[in-house]
């Protein structure tokens, strides 16, 4: 169970990091594609927040404390901060790279759940994975327009 806790903590920390980066890009996107990207990033950060809540609740459900401070999250994340002065195309490329890492994190967590016979965790993560993969498709399709 301890390996599940560690895996979920890393996933949660990376979700928070990606959530904050997406908010950053939502606030700072500019140029001719401002409106659709502003709304696109808003949809993403709202969905990421739902994932954060689900993963944190799963951590508590399996008997652990979820990391809940910026210091705890910063120590466990692998994603880097975003910067507000990127072009729209750079923002999309940066998010796409992070979502790719997130998919790897989800697969790692699914494998850990399988090893610990946690069917609830597998189901939760598989549901999130389907949505994250759709976001990757949308980012790729959007990025192709730049």
N, C-alpha and C. Protein backbone atom coordinates (compact mmCIF):
# COMPACT_ATOMS: atom_id res chain seq x y z
N UNK A 1 0.82 -1.21 0.00
CA UNK A 1 0.00 0.00 0.00
C UNK A 1 0.86 1.26 0.00
N UNK A 2 2.03 1.16 0.59
CA UNK A 2 2.89 2.35 0.64
C UNK A 2 3.30 2.79 -0.76
N UNK A 3 3.56 1.83 -1.66
CA UNK A 3 3.93 2.19 -3.03
C UNK A 3 2.76 2.86 -3.75
N UNK A 4 1.51 2.48 -3.42
CA UNK A 4 0.34 3.15 -3.98
C UNK A 4 0.29 4.59 -3.52
N UNK A 5 0.55 4.79 -2.23
CA UNK A 5 0.53 6.14 -1.68
C UNK A 5 1.55 7.02 -2.40
N UNK A 6 2.75 6.49 -2.58
CA UNK A 6 3.81 7.25 -3.24
C UNK A 6 3.42 7.58 -4.69
N UNK A 7 2.88 6.60 -5.39
CA UNK A 7 2.48 6.79 -6.78
C UNK A 7 1.36 7.82 -6.90
N UNK A 8 0.35 7.70 -6.05
CA UNK A 8 -0.75 8.66 -6.06
C UNK A 8 -0.27 10.06 -5.67
N UNK A 9 0.66 10.15 -4.73
CA UNK A 9 1.17 11.46 -4.33
C UNK A 9 1.87 12.17 -5.50
N UNK A 10 2.70 11.42 -6.24
CA UNK A 10 3.38 12.01 -7.40
C UNK A 10 2.35 12.46 -8.44
N UNK A 11 1.35 11.62 -8.69
CA UNK A 11 0.30 11.97 -9.64
C UNK A 11 -0.44 13.22 -9.19
N UNK A 12 -0.79 13.28 -7.92
CA UNK A 12 -1.48 14.45 -7.39
C UNK A 12 -0.63 15.71 -7.52
N UNK A 13 0.65 15.60 -7.19
CA UNK A 13 1.55 16.76 -7.29
C UNK A 13 1.67 17.23 -8.74
N UNK A 14 1.75 16.31 -9.67
CA UNK A 14 1.84 16.71 -11.08
C UNK A 14 0.52 17.27 -11.60
N UNK A 15 -0.59 16.76 -11.10
CA UNK A 15 -1.89 17.35 -11.46
C UNK A 15 -1.99 18.79 -10.98
N UNK A 16 -1.57 19.03 -9.74
CA UNK A 16 -1.58 20.41 -9.21
C UNK A 16 -0.67 21.30 -10.04
N UNK A 17 0.50 20.81 -10.37
CA UNK A 17 1.45 21.60 -11.15
C UNK A 17 0.87 21.94 -12.52
N UNK A 18 0.26 20.96 -13.17
CA UNK A 18 -0.34 21.20 -14.48
C UNK A 18 -1.55 22.11 -14.38
N UNK A 19 -2.30 21.98 -13.31
CA UNK A 19 -3.45 22.86 -13.07
C UNK A 19 -2.99 24.31 -12.97
N UNK A 20 -1.97 24.55 -12.19
CA UNK A 20 -1.47 25.91 -12.01
C UNK A 20 -0.90 26.46 -13.32
N UNK A 21 -0.16 25.62 -14.04
CA UNK A 21 0.40 26.05 -15.32
C UNK A 21 -0.72 26.41 -16.30
N UNK A 22 -1.76 25.62 -16.31
CA UNK A 22 -2.88 25.87 -17.23
C UNK A 22 -3.61 27.16 -16.85
N UNK A 23 -3.76 27.41 -15.57
CA UNK A 23 -4.32 28.70 -15.12
C UNK A 23 -3.44 29.85 -15.61
N UNK A 24 -2.14 29.71 -15.45
CA UNK A 24 -1.19 30.71 -15.90
C UNK A 24 -1.42 31.01 -17.39
N UNK A 25 -1.50 29.98 -18.19
CA UNK A 25 -1.67 30.16 -19.62
C UNK A 25 -3.05 30.74 -19.95
N UNK A 26 -4.05 30.35 -19.20
CA UNK A 26 -5.39 30.91 -19.36
C UNK A 26 -5.36 32.43 -19.14
N UNK A 27 -4.65 32.85 -18.12
CA UNK A 27 -4.58 34.28 -17.80
C UNK A 27 -3.71 35.06 -18.79
N UNK A 28 -2.69 34.44 -19.32
CA UNK A 28 -1.68 35.18 -20.08
C UNK A 28 -1.65 34.92 -21.58
N UNK A 29 -2.52 34.07 -22.09
CA UNK A 29 -2.54 33.84 -23.53
C UNK A 29 -2.94 35.14 -24.22
N UNK A 30 -2.35 35.38 -25.38
CA UNK A 30 -2.72 36.57 -26.16
C UNK A 30 -2.52 36.28 -27.63
N UNK A 31 -2.91 37.21 -28.45
CA UNK A 31 -2.77 37.06 -29.89
C UNK A 31 -4.10 36.78 -30.55
N UNK A 32 -4.03 36.45 -31.85
CA UNK A 32 -5.26 36.30 -32.62
C UNK A 32 -6.14 35.12 -32.18
N UNK A 33 -5.57 34.18 -31.47
CA UNK A 33 -6.35 33.01 -31.01
C UNK A 33 -6.71 33.12 -29.53
N UNK A 34 -6.69 34.35 -29.01
CA UNK A 34 -6.92 34.54 -27.58
C UNK A 34 -8.21 33.89 -27.10
N UNK A 35 -9.32 34.27 -27.67
CA UNK A 35 -10.62 33.81 -27.15
C UNK A 35 -10.76 32.29 -27.13
N UNK A 36 -10.52 31.59 -28.25
CA UNK A 36 -10.70 30.12 -28.17
C UNK A 36 -9.69 29.46 -27.24
N UNK A 37 -8.45 29.95 -27.19
CA UNK A 37 -7.47 29.34 -26.29
C UNK A 37 -7.77 29.66 -24.83
N UNK A 38 -8.21 30.88 -24.57
CA UNK A 38 -8.60 31.26 -23.21
C UNK A 38 -9.68 30.30 -22.69
N UNK A 39 -10.67 30.04 -23.51
CA UNK A 39 -11.76 29.13 -23.12
C UNK A 39 -11.28 27.68 -23.06
N UNK A 40 -10.43 27.28 -24.00
CA UNK A 40 -9.88 25.93 -24.02
C UNK A 40 -9.09 25.66 -22.75
N UNK A 41 -8.23 26.60 -22.37
CA UNK A 41 -7.44 26.44 -21.15
C UNK A 41 -8.34 26.42 -19.91
N UNK A 42 -9.42 27.19 -19.94
CA UNK A 42 -10.36 27.18 -18.81
C UNK A 42 -10.99 25.79 -18.65
N UNK A 43 -11.42 25.20 -19.74
CA UNK A 43 -11.97 23.84 -19.67
C UNK A 43 -10.95 22.87 -19.08
N UNK A 44 -9.69 23.02 -19.50
CA UNK A 44 -8.64 22.13 -19.02
C UNK A 44 -8.41 22.29 -17.52
N UNK A 45 -8.27 23.53 -17.04
CA UNK A 45 -7.96 23.67 -15.61
C UNK A 45 -9.14 23.24 -14.74
N UNK A 46 -10.36 23.40 -15.24
CA UNK A 46 -11.50 22.91 -14.46
C UNK A 46 -11.51 21.38 -14.39
N UNK A 47 -11.20 20.74 -15.49
CA UNK A 47 -11.14 19.28 -15.49
C UNK A 47 -10.00 18.78 -14.60
N UNK A 48 -8.85 19.45 -14.68
CA UNK A 48 -7.72 19.06 -13.82
C UNK A 48 -8.07 19.16 -12.35
N UNK A 49 -8.83 20.20 -11.98
CA UNK A 49 -9.23 20.33 -10.59
C UNK A 49 -10.10 19.17 -10.14
N UNK A 50 -10.97 18.70 -11.02
CA UNK A 50 -11.79 17.52 -10.69
C UNK A 50 -10.90 16.31 -10.44
N UNK A 51 -9.88 16.13 -11.29
CA UNK A 51 -8.96 15.01 -11.12
C UNK A 51 -8.20 15.12 -9.80
N UNK A 52 -7.78 16.33 -9.46
CA UNK A 52 -7.07 16.56 -8.20
C UNK A 52 -7.92 16.09 -7.03
N UNK A 53 -9.17 16.50 -7.03
CA UNK A 53 -10.06 16.13 -5.94
C UNK A 53 -10.26 14.62 -5.87
N UNK A 54 -10.46 13.98 -7.01
CA UNK A 54 -10.67 12.53 -7.04
C UNK A 54 -9.44 11.77 -6.53
N UNK A 55 -8.26 12.18 -6.96
CA UNK A 55 -7.04 11.49 -6.54
C UNK A 55 -6.78 11.72 -5.05
N UNK A 56 -6.96 12.95 -4.58
CA UNK A 56 -6.76 13.24 -3.15
C UNK A 56 -7.73 12.41 -2.30
N UNK A 57 -8.96 12.32 -2.74
CA UNK A 57 -9.93 11.52 -1.99
C UNK A 57 -9.57 10.03 -2.02
N UNK A 58 -9.01 9.57 -3.13
CA UNK A 58 -8.59 8.16 -3.20
C UNK A 58 -7.45 7.89 -2.22
N UNK A 59 -6.52 8.84 -2.13
CA UNK A 59 -5.41 8.70 -1.19
C UNK A 59 -5.95 8.55 0.23
N UNK A 60 -6.91 9.38 0.58
CA UNK A 60 -7.50 9.32 1.93
C UNK A 60 -8.29 8.01 2.09
N UNK A 61 -9.00 7.60 1.04
CA UNK A 61 -9.79 6.37 1.10
C UNK A 61 -8.93 5.15 1.40
N UNK A 62 -7.72 5.11 0.84
CA UNK A 62 -6.86 3.94 1.07
C UNK A 62 -6.05 4.06 2.36
N UNK A 63 -6.34 5.12 3.15
CA UNK A 63 -5.79 5.20 4.49
C UNK A 63 -4.58 6.10 4.70
N UNK A 64 -4.34 7.01 3.78
CA UNK A 64 -3.20 7.91 3.91
C UNK A 64 -3.66 9.36 3.89
N UNK A 65 -2.75 10.25 4.22
CA UNK A 65 -3.02 11.68 4.09
C UNK A 65 -2.57 12.14 2.71
N UNK A 66 -3.39 12.94 2.08
CA UNK A 66 -3.03 13.50 0.78
C UNK A 66 -2.15 14.72 1.00
N UNK A 67 -1.11 14.90 0.18
CA UNK A 67 -0.30 16.10 0.32
C UNK A 67 -1.18 17.32 0.07
N UNK A 68 -1.11 18.27 0.99
CA UNK A 68 -2.05 19.38 0.93
C UNK A 68 -1.39 20.75 1.13
N UNK A 69 -0.08 20.79 1.06
CA UNK A 69 0.61 22.08 1.13
C UNK A 69 1.46 22.25 -0.13
N UNK A 70 1.75 23.48 -0.44
CA UNK A 70 2.59 23.73 -1.61
C UNK A 70 3.96 23.09 -1.46
N UNK A 71 4.50 23.09 -0.26
CA UNK A 71 5.82 22.48 -0.03
C UNK A 71 5.78 20.98 -0.29
N UNK A 72 4.76 20.30 0.22
CA UNK A 72 4.64 18.85 -0.02
C UNK A 72 4.49 18.55 -1.51
N UNK A 73 3.67 19.33 -2.18
CA UNK A 73 3.43 19.10 -3.60
C UNK A 73 4.68 19.40 -4.42
N UNK A 74 5.37 20.48 -4.09
CA UNK A 74 6.58 20.85 -4.82
C UNK A 74 7.66 19.78 -4.69
N UNK A 75 7.73 19.14 -3.54
CA UNK A 75 8.74 18.11 -3.31
C UNK A 75 8.47 16.83 -4.09
N UNK A 76 7.22 16.62 -4.52
CA UNK A 76 6.86 15.36 -5.15
C UNK A 76 6.57 15.47 -6.64
N UNK A 77 6.48 16.66 -7.16
CA UNK A 77 6.15 16.82 -8.57
C UNK A 77 7.39 16.62 -9.45
N UNK A 78 7.14 16.28 -10.68
CA UNK A 78 8.22 16.16 -11.66
C UNK A 78 8.06 17.18 -12.78
N UNK A 79 6.92 17.83 -12.88
CA UNK A 79 6.68 18.83 -13.91
C UNK A 79 7.27 20.17 -13.50
N UNK A 80 7.65 20.94 -14.48
CA UNK A 80 8.23 22.26 -14.26
C UNK A 80 7.15 23.34 -14.33
N UNK A 81 7.43 24.48 -13.71
CA UNK A 81 6.52 25.62 -13.77
C UNK A 81 6.45 26.16 -15.20
N UNK A 82 5.34 26.78 -15.51
CA UNK A 82 5.19 27.48 -16.79
C UNK A 82 5.62 28.92 -16.61
N UNK A 83 5.77 29.59 -17.72
CA UNK A 83 6.10 31.01 -17.68
C UNK A 83 5.03 31.76 -18.46
N UNK A 84 4.78 32.97 -18.06
CA UNK A 84 3.67 33.72 -18.64
C UNK A 84 4.00 34.38 -19.97
N UNK A 85 5.25 34.36 -20.41
CA UNK A 85 5.62 35.09 -21.62
C UNK A 85 5.81 34.19 -22.85
N UNK A 86 5.17 33.05 -22.88
CA UNK A 86 5.25 32.16 -24.03
C UNK A 86 4.24 32.57 -25.10
N UNK A 87 4.52 32.19 -26.32
CA UNK A 87 3.54 32.37 -27.38
C UNK A 87 2.44 31.32 -27.20
N UNK A 88 1.36 31.50 -27.90
CA UNK A 88 0.26 30.52 -27.83
C UNK A 88 0.74 29.14 -28.25
N UNK A 89 1.52 29.07 -29.31
CA UNK A 89 2.02 27.78 -29.79
C UNK A 89 2.94 27.14 -28.75
N UNK A 90 3.77 27.94 -28.09
CA UNK A 90 4.67 27.40 -27.05
C UNK A 90 3.88 26.91 -25.85
N UNK A 91 2.82 27.62 -25.50
CA UNK A 91 1.96 27.17 -24.39
C UNK A 91 1.36 25.80 -24.69
N UNK A 92 0.84 25.65 -25.90
CA UNK A 92 0.23 24.38 -26.28
C UNK A 92 1.26 23.26 -26.27
N UNK A 93 2.43 23.53 -26.83
CA UNK A 93 3.49 22.51 -26.86
C UNK A 93 3.93 22.13 -25.45
N UNK A 94 4.01 23.12 -24.56
CA UNK A 94 4.41 22.85 -23.17
C UNK A 94 3.36 22.00 -22.46
N UNK A 95 2.10 22.34 -22.65
CA UNK A 95 1.03 21.55 -22.03
C UNK A 95 1.00 20.13 -22.60
N UNK A 96 1.20 20.01 -23.89
CA UNK A 96 1.22 18.69 -24.51
C UNK A 96 2.32 17.82 -23.92
N UNK A 97 3.49 18.39 -23.71
CA UNK A 97 4.60 17.64 -23.10
C UNK A 97 4.23 17.20 -21.69
N UNK A 98 3.60 18.09 -20.93
CA UNK A 98 3.22 17.74 -19.55
C UNK A 98 2.13 16.70 -19.50
N UNK A 99 1.17 16.79 -20.40
CA UNK A 99 0.12 15.78 -20.44
C UNK A 99 0.69 14.41 -20.78
N UNK A 100 1.74 14.38 -21.59
CA UNK A 100 2.40 13.12 -21.92
C UNK A 100 3.02 12.51 -20.66
N UNK A 101 3.65 13.34 -19.83
CA UNK A 101 4.19 12.87 -18.55
C UNK A 101 3.06 12.39 -17.65
N UNK A 102 1.97 13.13 -17.64
CA UNK A 102 0.81 12.76 -16.83
C UNK A 102 0.27 11.39 -17.23
N UNK A 103 0.22 11.12 -18.50
CA UNK A 103 -0.23 9.79 -18.96
C UNK A 103 0.69 8.71 -18.42
N UNK A 104 1.99 8.94 -18.47
CA UNK A 104 2.94 7.97 -17.91
C UNK A 104 2.69 7.77 -16.41
N UNK A 105 2.44 8.87 -15.69
CA UNK A 105 2.14 8.78 -14.26
C UNK A 105 0.89 7.95 -14.00
N UNK A 106 -0.12 8.16 -14.82
CA UNK A 106 -1.37 7.41 -14.65
C UNK A 106 -1.13 5.92 -14.90
N UNK A 107 -0.41 5.60 -15.97
CA UNK A 107 -0.10 4.19 -16.24
C UNK A 107 0.70 3.56 -15.10
N UNK A 108 1.66 4.32 -14.55
CA UNK A 108 2.43 3.80 -13.41
C UNK A 108 1.52 3.55 -12.21
N UNK A 109 0.60 4.46 -11.97
CA UNK A 109 -0.33 4.29 -10.85
C UNK A 109 -1.27 3.12 -11.08
N UNK A 110 -1.71 2.94 -12.31
CA UNK A 110 -2.57 1.78 -12.63
C UNK A 110 -1.82 0.49 -12.35
N UNK A 111 -0.57 0.42 -12.78
CA UNK A 111 0.24 -0.79 -12.54
C UNK A 111 0.41 -1.04 -11.04
N UNK A 112 0.64 0.01 -10.29
CA UNK A 112 0.77 -0.12 -8.83
C UNK A 112 -0.54 -0.61 -8.22
N UNK A 113 -1.66 -0.10 -8.70
CA UNK A 113 -2.96 -0.56 -8.21
C UNK A 113 -3.18 -2.04 -8.54
N UNK A 114 -2.78 -2.44 -9.73
CA UNK A 114 -2.91 -3.85 -10.11
C UNK A 114 -2.10 -4.73 -9.17
N UNK A 115 -0.88 -4.31 -8.87
CA UNK A 115 -0.01 -5.08 -7.98
C UNK A 115 -0.58 -5.18 -6.56
N UNK A 116 -1.43 -4.22 -6.19
CA UNK A 116 -2.02 -4.20 -4.86
C UNK A 116 -3.51 -4.59 -4.87
N UNK A 117 -3.96 -5.11 -6.02
CA UNK A 117 -5.35 -5.56 -6.17
C UNK A 117 -6.36 -4.49 -5.76
N UNK A 118 -6.11 -3.25 -6.18
CA UNK A 118 -6.99 -2.12 -5.88
C UNK A 118 -7.85 -1.83 -7.11
N UNK A 119 -8.96 -2.54 -7.23
CA UNK A 119 -9.84 -2.39 -8.38
C UNK A 119 -10.46 -0.99 -8.44
N UNK A 120 -10.77 -0.42 -7.29
CA UNK A 120 -11.33 0.94 -7.27
C UNK A 120 -10.35 1.95 -7.83
N UNK A 121 -9.09 1.82 -7.45
CA UNK A 121 -8.06 2.71 -7.97
C UNK A 121 -7.87 2.55 -9.46
N UNK A 122 -7.90 1.30 -9.94
CA UNK A 122 -7.75 1.03 -11.37
C UNK A 122 -8.88 1.68 -12.15
N UNK A 123 -10.10 1.52 -11.67
CA UNK A 123 -11.26 2.10 -12.35
C UNK A 123 -11.16 3.62 -12.38
N UNK A 124 -10.84 4.22 -11.25
CA UNK A 124 -10.71 5.68 -11.16
C UNK A 124 -9.66 6.18 -12.15
N UNK A 125 -8.50 5.55 -12.14
CA UNK A 125 -7.40 5.99 -12.99
C UNK A 125 -7.69 5.77 -14.47
N UNK A 126 -8.37 4.68 -14.79
CA UNK A 126 -8.73 4.41 -16.18
C UNK A 126 -9.70 5.47 -16.69
N UNK A 127 -10.65 5.86 -15.87
CA UNK A 127 -11.60 6.91 -16.25
C UNK A 127 -10.87 8.23 -16.50
N UNK A 128 -9.93 8.56 -15.63
CA UNK A 128 -9.14 9.79 -15.80
C UNK A 128 -8.28 9.69 -17.05
N UNK A 129 -7.68 8.53 -17.27
CA UNK A 129 -6.80 8.33 -18.43
C UNK A 129 -7.53 8.61 -19.74
N UNK A 130 -8.75 8.13 -19.86
CA UNK A 130 -9.53 8.35 -21.09
C UNK A 130 -9.70 9.85 -21.34
N UNK A 131 -9.98 10.61 -20.31
CA UNK A 131 -10.17 12.06 -20.45
C UNK A 131 -8.85 12.77 -20.76
N UNK A 132 -7.78 12.33 -20.14
CA UNK A 132 -6.47 12.94 -20.39
C UNK A 132 -6.02 12.65 -21.82
N UNK A 133 -6.24 11.44 -22.28
CA UNK A 133 -5.89 11.11 -23.67
C UNK A 133 -6.68 11.96 -24.66
N UNK A 134 -7.93 12.23 -24.35
CA UNK A 134 -8.73 13.10 -25.22
C UNK A 134 -8.16 14.51 -25.24
N UNK A 135 -7.72 14.99 -24.09
CA UNK A 135 -7.10 16.32 -24.02
C UNK A 135 -5.83 16.37 -24.85
N UNK A 136 -5.04 15.31 -24.83
CA UNK A 136 -3.83 15.25 -25.66
C UNK A 136 -4.21 15.35 -27.13
N UNK A 137 -5.21 14.64 -27.55
CA UNK A 137 -5.68 14.72 -28.93
C UNK A 137 -6.07 16.16 -29.26
N UNK A 138 -6.82 16.81 -28.37
CA UNK A 138 -7.27 18.18 -28.61
C UNK A 138 -6.09 19.16 -28.67
N UNK A 139 -5.11 18.96 -27.80
CA UNK A 139 -3.91 19.81 -27.83
C UNK A 139 -3.15 19.64 -29.14
N UNK A 140 -3.01 18.39 -29.58
CA UNK A 140 -2.32 18.14 -30.86
C UNK A 140 -3.07 18.79 -32.02
N UNK A 141 -4.39 18.64 -32.01
CA UNK A 141 -5.20 19.22 -33.09
C UNK A 141 -5.13 20.75 -33.06
N UNK A 142 -5.15 21.31 -31.87
CA UNK A 142 -5.05 22.76 -31.73
C UNK A 142 -3.68 23.26 -32.13
N UNK A 143 -2.64 22.56 -31.70
CA UNK A 143 -1.28 22.96 -32.02
C UNK A 143 -0.98 22.89 -33.51
N UNK A 144 -1.69 22.05 -34.22
CA UNK A 144 -1.47 21.94 -35.66
C UNK A 144 -1.90 23.19 -36.42
N UNK A 145 -2.66 24.06 -35.74
CA UNK A 145 -3.12 25.29 -36.38
C UNK A 145 -2.15 26.44 -36.26
N UNK A 146 -0.99 26.20 -35.67
CA UNK A 146 -0.01 27.29 -35.47
C UNK A 146 1.18 27.11 -36.36
